[in-house]
């Protein structure tokens, strides 16, 4: 072995490198990521590949079973193609899950990081506000917002995201209380950095592990919440479709056309399982006890 080789520095692996390696060894998580990628691709490009529009009504093709008259998954009571509506509904549900989770992420991380780092009376006031909002039933609060301001898809994004941030803020606050007395934070204070800079540059980046895991578990919770609202008639409004509206419609026509319930339910279950397996994989990969 040459002297140059002996003197060459050895590059260490970061926490994220180790986490990525452990995640790739988790077969369930890797398979879920592949399936989820396929579902996202179908949701984005699928509606453009189907020869029918999601709201196209055809009275001659009412309640057709799968593989009949060009309808791959059949048609509904108005003759609308289930494949087109299912792909559109998947797109809407994934969009609601992503946007509402982003809203809850921004509010929850900012609220929890500020409360945990500043502490004192500000922490007490901010977390008591979270406790008060926690005391309100989640679905009741969302329904109240939607009844007050009207039912539209944008409001669904905001309403669900504005409630889901509560748990996120508690998680972030707990992690911030642990980080605020670490050596690198003390060094930042000694260097003269203000509270805002310390939170943005040092606290929040070190919260990414638990936050990423919780995000993967929040998205399916948001999709389920939207589905429940749509089942009650307060979610996505016709002729637009979501997985929730399709399941609600399929349940009402289950005896005459069971495929209207079976296919949306399978897609819903598959989507939620993928997110949950990915979340479990990330949790196991990032957990320092497993290192």
Protein backbone atom coordinates (compact mmCIF):
# COMPACT_ATOMS: atom_id res chain seq x y z
CA UNK A 1 0.00 0.00 0.00
CA UNK A 2 1.49 3.35 -1.00
CA UNK A 3 2.21 6.22 1.37
CA UNK A 4 -0.32 8.41 -0.49
CA UNK A 5 -3.04 5.86 0.15
CA UNK A 6 -2.18 5.65 3.84
CA UNK A 7 -2.26 9.43 4.23
CA UNK A 8 -5.52 9.93 2.34
CA UNK A 9 -8.35 11.05 4.63
CA UNK A 10 -11.18 8.61 5.19
CA UNK A 11 -14.55 10.13 4.34
CA UNK A 12 -17.11 9.38 7.03
CA UNK A 13 -20.75 8.67 6.41
CA UNK A 14 -23.32 11.17 7.60
CA UNK A 15 -26.49 10.33 9.51
CA UNK A 16 -28.51 10.72 6.32
CA UNK A 17 -26.18 8.37 4.42
CA UNK A 18 -26.64 5.72 7.08
CA UNK A 19 -30.39 6.32 7.16
CA UNK A 20 -30.59 6.00 3.39
CA UNK A 21 -28.70 2.70 3.45
CA UNK A 22 -30.97 1.29 6.16
CA UNK A 23 -34.06 2.48 4.31
CA UNK A 24 -32.95 0.76 1.12
CA UNK A 25 -32.58 -2.50 3.06
CA UNK A 26 -36.21 -2.29 4.15
CA UNK A 27 -38.00 -4.27 1.43
CA UNK A 28 -41.49 -3.18 2.43
CA UNK A 29 -40.52 0.51 2.33
CA UNK A 30 -38.72 0.17 -1.02
CA UNK A 31 -41.63 -1.72 -2.57
CA UNK A 32 -44.03 0.93 -1.21
CA UNK A 33 -41.96 3.73 -2.73
CA UNK A 34 -42.07 2.00 -6.12
CA UNK A 35 -45.82 1.42 -5.94
CA UNK A 36 -46.43 4.98 -4.73
CA UNK A 37 -44.31 6.36 -7.59
CA UNK A 38 -46.47 4.39 -10.05
CA UNK A 39 -49.65 5.72 -8.42
CA UNK A 40 -48.38 9.30 -8.61
CA UNK A 41 -47.43 8.82 -12.27
CA UNK A 42 -50.90 7.43 -13.02
CA UNK A 43 -52.53 10.31 -11.15
CA UNK A 44 -50.54 12.91 -13.10
CA UNK A 45 -50.55 11.41 -16.60
CA UNK A 46 -53.35 8.85 -16.47
CA UNK A 47 -56.35 11.15 -17.06
CA UNK A 48 -54.78 12.33 -20.34
CA UNK A 49 -54.38 8.74 -21.57
CA UNK A 50 -57.98 7.63 -21.00
CA UNK A 51 -60.28 8.19 -24.01
CA UNK A 52 -63.04 9.52 -21.73
CA UNK A 53 -63.28 12.68 -19.63
CA UNK A 54 -63.96 12.22 -15.93
CA UNK A 55 -67.23 14.21 -16.24
CA UNK A 56 -68.35 12.84 -19.62
CA UNK A 57 -71.94 11.59 -19.34
CA UNK A 58 -73.22 8.85 -21.66
CA UNK A 59 -76.75 7.60 -21.03
CA UNK A 60 -76.13 4.58 -23.28
CA UNK A 61 -73.29 3.28 -21.10
CA UNK A 62 -74.96 3.26 -17.69
CA UNK A 63 -73.60 0.79 -15.10
CA UNK A 64 -71.43 -1.11 -17.53
CA UNK A 65 -69.22 -3.77 -15.89
CA UNK A 66 -65.44 -3.71 -16.43
CA UNK A 67 -64.07 -4.34 -19.92
CA UNK A 68 -67.31 -3.37 -21.64
CA UNK A 69 -67.65 -0.80 -24.49
CA UNK A 70 -64.12 0.49 -23.95
CA UNK A 71 -64.61 1.14 -20.21
CA UNK A 72 -61.67 -0.62 -18.56
CA UNK A 73 -63.12 -0.49 -15.04
CA UNK A 74 -66.76 -0.04 -16.01
CA UNK A 75 -69.04 2.98 -15.74
CA UNK A 76 -71.35 4.56 -13.14
CA UNK A 77 -75.02 5.50 -12.98
CA UNK A 78 -74.51 8.41 -15.39
CA UNK A 79 -72.40 6.46 -17.85
CA UNK A 80 -69.16 8.16 -16.73
CA UNK A 81 -65.98 6.12 -17.17
CA UNK A 82 -64.75 4.81 -13.81
CA UNK A 83 -61.11 4.66 -14.94
CA UNK A 84 -61.07 8.38 -15.79
CA UNK A 85 -62.86 9.28 -12.57
CA UNK A 86 -60.62 7.03 -10.48
CA UNK A 87 -57.41 8.53 -11.87
CA UNK A 88 -58.78 12.05 -11.42
CA UNK A 89 -59.94 11.20 -7.90
CA UNK A 90 -56.51 9.80 -7.04
CA UNK A 91 -54.91 13.01 -8.29
CA UNK A 92 -57.25 15.17 -6.21
CA UNK A 93 -56.78 13.08 -3.05
CA UNK A 94 -52.98 13.09 -3.38
CA UNK A 95 -53.02 16.85 -4.01
CA UNK A 96 -55.16 17.43 -0.92
CA UNK A 97 -52.86 15.23 1.14
CA UNK A 98 -49.73 17.00 -0.08
CA UNK A 99 -50.98 20.59 0.14
CA UNK A 100 -52.77 20.20 3.48
CA UNK A 101 -49.73 18.44 4.94
CA UNK A 102 -47.50 21.27 3.69
CA UNK A 103 -49.76 23.81 5.41
CA UNK A 104 -49.64 21.84 8.66
CA UNK A 105 -45.87 21.41 8.29
CA UNK A 106 -45.17 25.13 7.93
CA UNK A 107 -47.46 26.16 10.79
CA UNK A 108 -46.54 23.29 13.10
CA UNK A 109 -42.76 23.57 12.71
CA UNK A 110 -42.75 27.36 13.12
CA UNK A 111 -45.09 27.27 16.11
CA UNK A 112 -43.36 24.42 17.92
CA UNK A 113 -39.81 25.67 17.27
CA UNK A 114 -40.56 29.19 18.53
CA UNK A 115 -42.45 27.93 21.60
CA UNK A 116 -39.76 25.41 22.51
CA UNK A 117 -36.77 27.70 21.97
CA UNK A 118 -38.10 30.91 23.53
CA UNK A 119 -39.79 29.15 26.44
CA UNK A 120 -41.21 30.98 29.43
CA UNK A 121 -44.58 32.71 29.27
CA UNK A 122 -44.61 32.70 25.47
CA UNK A 123 -44.28 28.92 25.48
CA UNK A 124 -47.11 28.63 28.02
CA UNK A 125 -49.45 30.84 25.99
CA UNK A 126 -48.68 29.16 22.66
CA UNK A 127 -49.05 25.62 23.95
CA UNK A 128 -52.24 26.43 25.89
CA UNK A 129 -53.66 27.66 22.58
CA UNK A 130 -52.76 24.26 21.10
CA UNK A 131 -54.49 22.53 24.03
CA UNK A 132 -57.65 24.58 23.48
CA UNK A 133 -57.72 23.68 19.78
CA UNK A 134 -57.07 20.04 20.68
CA UNK A 135 -60.19 20.06 22.85
CA UNK A 136 -62.33 20.79 19.78
CA UNK A 137 -63.33 17.71 17.76
CA UNK A 138 -61.24 17.66 14.60
CA UNK A 139 -64.05 16.88 12.15
CA UNK A 140 -66.40 19.35 13.86
CA UNK A 141 -63.84 22.15 13.47
CA UNK A 142 -63.27 21.39 9.77
CA UNK A 143 -67.01 21.12 9.09
CA UNK A 144 -67.55 24.46 10.89
CA UNK A 145 -64.97 26.16 8.66
CA UNK A 146 -66.47 24.70 5.51
CA UNK A 147 -70.06 25.54 6.44
CA UNK A 148 -69.03 29.10 7.33
CA UNK A 149 -66.89 29.86 4.29
CA UNK A 150 -68.43 27.51 1.74
CA UNK A 151 -67.34 24.18 0.31
CA UNK A 152 -64.62 24.29 -2.34
CA UNK A 153 -61.46 22.36 -2.99
CA UNK A 154 -59.11 25.18 -1.94
CA UNK A 155 -60.86 25.54 1.40
CA UNK A 156 -60.51 21.79 1.97
CA UNK A 157 -56.72 22.19 1.59
CA UNK A 158 -56.63 25.03 4.10
CA UNK A 159 -59.21 23.68 6.56
CA UNK A 160 -57.60 20.27 7.02
CA UNK A 161 -54.06 21.67 7.04
CA UNK A 162 -55.02 24.33 9.59
CA UNK A 163 -56.04 21.59 12.05
CA UNK A 164 -53.42 18.90 11.39
CA UNK A 165 -50.56 21.15 12.57
CA UNK A 166 -51.38 20.68 16.26
CA UNK A 167 -49.60 17.34 16.73
CA UNK A 168 -46.72 18.55 14.56
CA UNK A 169 -46.20 21.57 16.84
CA UNK A 170 -46.00 19.35 19.92
CA UNK A 171 -43.47 17.02 18.32
CA UNK A 172 -41.33 19.94 17.17
CA UNK A 173 -41.53 21.66 20.56
CA UNK A 174 -40.35 18.52 22.35
CA UNK A 175 -37.40 18.10 19.99
CA UNK A 176 -36.55 21.80 20.29
CA UNK A 177 -36.42 21.59 24.08
CA UNK A 178 -33.82 18.84 23.65
CA UNK A 179 -31.77 20.75 21.08
CA UNK A 180 -31.77 24.24 22.61
CA UNK A 181 -29.09 23.37 25.18
CA UNK A 182 -26.79 21.48 22.81
CA UNK A 183 -23.24 22.68 22.29
CA UNK A 184 -23.74 23.90 18.72
CA UNK A 185 -26.67 26.07 19.82
CA UNK A 186 -24.63 27.49 22.70
CA UNK A 187 -21.84 28.25 20.22
CA UNK A 188 -24.31 30.06 17.97
CA UNK A 189 -25.49 32.19 20.91
CA UNK A 190 -21.89 32.97 21.83
CA UNK A 191 -21.28 34.05 18.23
CA UNK A 192 -24.02 36.65 18.61
CA UNK A 193 -26.75 35.09 16.47
CA UNK A 194 -30.29 36.18 17.28
CA UNK A 195 -33.16 33.88 18.18
CA UNK A 196 -34.63 33.89 14.69
CA UNK A 197 -31.33 33.00 13.05
CA UNK A 198 -30.63 30.21 15.56
CA UNK A 199 -34.09 28.69 15.05
CA UNK A 200 -33.84 28.90 11.24
CA UNK A 201 -30.22 27.81 10.84
CA UNK A 202 -29.63 25.39 13.71
CA UNK A 203 -32.87 24.20 15.32
CA UNK A 204 -35.14 23.53 12.31
CA UNK A 205 -32.51 21.67 10.19
CA UNK A 206 -31.89 19.29 13.10
CA UNK A 207 -35.61 18.54 13.36
CA UNK A 208 -35.86 17.09 9.87
CA UNK A 209 -35.65 13.45 10.98
CA UNK A 210 -38.81 13.20 13.11
CA UNK A 211 -40.59 15.79 10.95
CA UNK A 212 -40.06 13.78 7.75
CA UNK A 213 -41.35 10.64 9.43
CA UNK A 214 -44.42 12.43 10.75
CA UNK A 215 -45.13 13.97 7.34
CA UNK A 216 -45.35 10.53 5.73
CA UNK A 217 -47.90 9.57 8.38
CA UNK A 218 -49.84 12.84 8.11
CA UNK A 219 -50.53 12.55 4.37
CA UNK A 220 -52.65 9.37 4.72
CA UNK A 221 -54.44 10.89 7.73
CA UNK A 222 -55.32 13.94 5.61
CA UNK A 223 -56.52 11.73 2.73
CA UNK A 224 -58.74 9.82 5.16
CA UNK A 225 -60.10 13.08 6.60
CA UNK A 226 -60.97 14.35 3.13
CA UNK A 227 -62.59 11.02 2.28
CA UNK A 228 -64.73 11.20 5.41
CA UNK A 229 -65.82 14.75 4.58
CA UNK A 230 -66.61 13.72 1.00
CA UNK A 231 -68.58 10.74 2.33
CA UNK A 232 -70.68 13.24 4.30
CA UNK A 233 -71.11 15.42 1.23
CA UNK A 234 -68.91 18.23 2.58
CA UNK A 235 -65.76 17.48 0.60
CA UNK A 236 -65.05 17.62 -3.11
CA UNK A 237 -68.21 18.57 -4.98
CA UNK A 238 -69.53 16.89 -8.19
CA UNK A 239 -68.68 16.54 -10.97
CA UNK A 240 -65.12 16.66 -9.58
CA UNK A 241 -64.08 13.37 -8.00
CA UNK A 242 -61.86 12.24 -5.15
CA UNK A 243 -61.33 8.81 -3.67
CA UNK A 244 -63.79 9.74 -0.93
CA UNK A 245 -66.58 10.78 -3.31
CA UNK A 246 -66.03 7.67 -5.44
CA UNK A 247 -66.26 5.39 -2.40
CA UNK A 248 -69.37 7.22 -1.20
CA UNK A 249 -71.00 6.85 -4.63
CA UNK A 250 -69.93 3.23 -4.90
CA UNK A 251 -71.41 2.42 -1.49
CA UNK A 252 -74.82 3.73 -2.57
CA UNK A 253 -74.74 1.62 -5.77
CA UNK A 254 -72.99 -1.40 -4.26
CA UNK A 255 -75.74 -3.93 -5.01
CA UNK A 256 -76.20 -2.89 -8.64
CA UNK A 257 -72.58 -2.10 -9.53
CA UNK A 258 -70.10 -3.45 -6.93
CA UNK A 259 -67.10 -2.46 -9.08
CA UNK A 260 -67.86 1.20 -8.31
CA UNK A 261 -66.94 0.51 -4.68
CA UNK A 262 -64.30 -2.19 -5.11
CA UNK A 263 -61.81 -0.35 -7.34
CA UNK A 264 -61.75 3.02 -5.48
CA UNK A 265 -61.49 1.17 -2.16
CA UNK A 266 -58.54 -0.90 -3.41
CA UNK A 267 -56.73 2.22 -4.62
CA UNK A 268 -57.42 3.96 -1.31
CA UNK A 269 -56.11 1.01 0.72
CA UNK A 270 -53.04 0.65 -1.50
CA UNK A 271 -52.20 4.36 -1.24
CA UNK A 272 -52.55 4.45 2.54
CA UNK A 273 -50.52 1.27 2.96
CA UNK A 274 -47.69 2.70 0.86
CA UNK A 275 -47.46 5.85 2.96
CA UNK A 276 -47.59 3.90 6.21
CA UNK A 277 -44.88 1.42 5.15
CA UNK A 278 -42.67 4.31 3.98
CA UNK A 279 -43.24 6.11 7.29
CA UNK A 280 -42.34 2.98 9.26
CA UNK A 281 -39.24 2.50 7.13
CA UNK A 282 -38.12 6.09 7.65
CA UNK A 283 -38.73 5.84 11.38
CA UNK A 284 -36.60 2.72 11.65
CA UNK A 285 -33.89 4.19 9.41
CA UNK A 286 -33.59 7.51 11.25
CA UNK A 287 -33.97 6.14 14.79
CA UNK A 288 -30.49 6.47 16.38
CA UNK A 289 -31.18 3.41 18.57
CA UNK A 290 -31.00 1.26 15.45
CA UNK A 291 -27.57 2.53 14.43
